[in-house]
């Protein structure tokens, strides 16, 4: 069964691209840039960090 990891909403406000990222681990975050590519990079980096942090083995 599939389970959503996050919800991403991308919109344009004036000259900026705005992305809202929501996940159980990180809550709601907002990213802004003048290019779509930069917003995507920010989202990918954020999710990679979040998922890597969550998958690290717990210290004993």
N, C-alpha and C. Protein backbone atom coordinates (compact mmCIF):
# COMPACT_ATOMS: atom_id res chain seq x y z
N UNK A 1 0.84 -1.19 0.00
CA UNK A 1 0.00 0.00 0.00
C UNK A 1 0.88 1.25 0.00
N UNK A 2 0.50 2.22 -0.78
CA UNK A 2 1.26 3.47 -0.84
C UNK A 2 0.88 4.38 0.32
N UNK A 3 1.89 5.10 0.80
CA UNK A 3 1.67 6.06 1.87
C UNK A 3 2.34 7.37 1.48
N UNK A 4 1.58 8.47 1.44
CA UNK A 4 2.17 9.76 1.06
C UNK A 4 3.29 10.18 2.02
N UNK A 5 4.37 10.70 1.46
CA UNK A 5 5.48 11.21 2.26
C UNK A 5 5.29 12.69 2.53
N UNK A 6 4.77 13.40 1.52
CA UNK A 6 4.60 14.84 1.68
C UNK A 6 3.55 15.36 0.71
N UNK A 7 3.20 16.60 0.92
CA UNK A 7 2.29 17.32 0.03
C UNK A 7 3.03 18.57 -0.43
N UNK A 8 3.05 18.80 -1.75
CA UNK A 8 3.74 19.97 -2.30
C UNK A 8 2.74 20.77 -3.13
N UNK A 9 2.70 22.06 -2.86
CA UNK A 9 1.84 22.98 -3.61
C UNK A 9 2.73 24.07 -4.20
N UNK A 10 2.68 24.23 -5.51
CA UNK A 10 3.52 25.23 -6.18
C UNK A 10 2.62 26.24 -6.86
N UNK A 11 2.90 27.52 -6.62
CA UNK A 11 2.11 28.59 -7.22
C UNK A 11 3.03 29.74 -7.61
N UNK A 12 2.45 30.71 -8.29
CA UNK A 12 3.23 31.89 -8.68
C UNK A 12 2.58 33.12 -8.07
N UNK A 13 3.41 33.93 -7.39
CA UNK A 13 2.96 35.19 -6.80
C UNK A 13 3.83 36.29 -7.38
N UNK A 14 3.23 37.12 -8.18
CA UNK A 14 3.96 38.18 -8.88
C UNK A 14 5.11 37.55 -9.67
N UNK A 15 6.35 37.91 -9.38
CA UNK A 15 7.50 37.39 -10.12
C UNK A 15 8.12 36.16 -9.47
N UNK A 16 7.59 35.72 -8.34
CA UNK A 16 8.20 34.61 -7.60
C UNK A 16 7.40 33.32 -7.75
N UNK A 17 8.13 32.21 -7.74
CA UNK A 17 7.53 30.89 -7.65
C UNK A 17 7.54 30.53 -6.16
N UNK A 18 6.40 30.10 -5.65
CA UNK A 18 6.27 29.77 -4.23
C UNK A 18 5.89 28.30 -4.11
N UNK A 19 6.64 27.57 -3.30
CA UNK A 19 6.35 26.17 -3.04
C UNK A 19 6.09 25.99 -1.55
N UNK A 20 4.99 25.33 -1.24
CA UNK A 20 4.67 24.98 0.14
C UNK A 20 4.81 23.47 0.27
N UNK A 21 5.64 23.07 1.20
CA UNK A 21 5.95 21.67 1.43
C UNK A 21 5.45 21.28 2.81
N UNK A 22 4.64 20.23 2.87
CA UNK A 22 4.12 19.77 4.16
C UNK A 22 4.41 18.29 4.32
N UNK A 23 4.99 17.93 5.47
CA UNK A 23 5.25 16.53 5.78
C UNK A 23 5.04 16.30 7.27
N UNK A 24 4.84 15.05 7.64
CA UNK A 24 4.66 14.72 9.05
C UNK A 24 5.91 15.02 9.86
N UNK A 25 7.07 14.79 9.26
CA UNK A 25 8.33 14.98 9.98
C UNK A 25 8.73 16.45 10.11
N UNK A 26 8.57 17.22 9.04
CA UNK A 26 9.07 18.58 9.04
C UNK A 26 8.03 19.67 9.15
N UNK A 27 6.76 19.29 9.18
CA UNK A 27 5.72 20.31 9.25
C UNK A 27 5.55 21.03 7.92
N UNK A 28 5.18 22.29 7.99
CA UNK A 28 4.95 23.09 6.78
C UNK A 28 6.11 24.05 6.58
N UNK A 29 6.65 24.05 5.37
CA UNK A 29 7.72 24.98 5.01
C UNK A 29 7.38 25.65 3.69
N UNK A 30 7.93 26.84 3.50
CA UNK A 30 7.68 27.58 2.27
C UNK A 30 9.01 27.99 1.64
N UNK A 31 9.09 27.82 0.33
CA UNK A 31 10.29 28.19 -0.41
C UNK A 31 9.90 29.15 -1.52
N UNK A 32 10.75 30.14 -1.74
CA UNK A 32 10.49 31.14 -2.79
C UNK A 32 11.74 31.34 -3.64
N UNK A 33 11.51 31.52 -4.93
CA UNK A 33 12.61 31.82 -5.84
C UNK A 33 12.02 32.44 -7.10
N UNK A 34 12.88 33.03 -7.88
CA UNK A 34 12.44 33.61 -9.14
C UNK A 34 12.45 32.59 -10.27
N UNK A 35 13.02 31.40 -10.03
CA UNK A 35 13.03 30.36 -11.06
C UNK A 35 12.42 29.07 -10.52
N UNK A 36 11.71 28.39 -11.39
CA UNK A 36 11.09 27.12 -11.04
C UNK A 36 12.14 26.09 -10.67
N UNK A 37 13.24 26.08 -11.43
CA UNK A 37 14.32 25.12 -11.17
C UNK A 37 14.90 25.27 -9.77
N UNK A 38 15.08 26.50 -9.33
CA UNK A 38 15.64 26.74 -7.99
C UNK A 38 14.68 26.27 -6.90
N UNK A 39 13.39 26.51 -7.10
CA UNK A 39 12.41 26.04 -6.11
C UNK A 39 12.43 24.52 -6.03
N UNK A 40 12.52 23.85 -7.18
CA UNK A 40 12.59 22.39 -7.18
C UNK A 40 13.83 21.89 -6.46
N UNK A 41 14.97 22.55 -6.68
CA UNK A 41 16.21 22.16 -5.99
C UNK A 41 16.05 22.31 -4.48
N UNK A 42 15.44 23.39 -4.04
CA UNK A 42 15.23 23.61 -2.61
C UNK A 42 14.35 22.52 -2.00
N UNK A 43 13.28 22.16 -2.72
CA UNK A 43 12.37 21.12 -2.24
C UNK A 43 13.09 19.78 -2.15
N UNK A 44 13.81 19.42 -3.21
CA UNK A 44 14.53 18.14 -3.23
C UNK A 44 15.55 18.07 -2.11
N UNK A 45 16.33 19.13 -1.93
CA UNK A 45 17.33 19.15 -0.85
C UNK A 45 16.67 18.99 0.52
N UNK A 46 15.58 19.69 0.73
CA UNK A 46 14.88 19.62 2.02
C UNK A 46 14.37 18.20 2.29
N UNK A 47 13.77 17.58 1.27
CA UNK A 47 13.25 16.23 1.45
C UNK A 47 14.37 15.21 1.65
N UNK A 48 15.47 15.38 0.93
CA UNK A 48 16.60 14.47 1.10
C UNK A 48 17.13 14.55 2.53
N UNK A 49 17.32 15.75 3.04
CA UNK A 49 17.80 15.92 4.41
C UNK A 49 16.82 15.31 5.41
N UNK A 50 15.55 15.56 5.20
CA UNK A 50 14.53 15.05 6.12
C UNK A 50 14.49 13.52 6.12
N UNK A 51 14.53 12.93 4.94
CA UNK A 51 14.46 11.47 4.85
C UNK A 51 15.74 10.80 5.33
N UNK A 52 16.89 11.42 5.07
CA UNK A 52 18.15 10.88 5.57
C UNK A 52 18.19 10.94 7.09
N UNK A 53 17.74 12.04 7.66
CA UNK A 53 17.71 12.19 9.11
C UNK A 53 16.79 11.15 9.74
N UNK A 54 15.65 10.93 9.11
CA UNK A 54 14.66 9.99 9.64
C UNK A 54 15.14 8.54 9.51
N UNK A 55 15.98 8.24 8.53
CA UNK A 55 16.39 6.85 8.31
C UNK A 55 17.69 6.49 9.03
N UNK A 56 18.33 7.46 9.70
CA UNK A 56 19.55 7.17 10.45
C UNK A 56 19.24 6.25 11.62
N UNK A 57 20.10 5.26 11.86
CA UNK A 57 19.87 4.38 13.01
C UNK A 57 19.98 5.15 14.32
N UNK A 58 19.15 4.78 15.27
CA UNK A 58 19.17 5.46 16.57
C UNK A 58 20.40 5.05 17.35
N UNK A 59 20.98 6.00 18.06
CA UNK A 59 22.15 5.72 18.90
C UNK A 59 21.71 4.91 20.11
N UNK A 60 22.54 3.96 20.48
CA UNK A 60 22.19 3.13 21.65
C UNK A 60 22.81 3.67 22.90
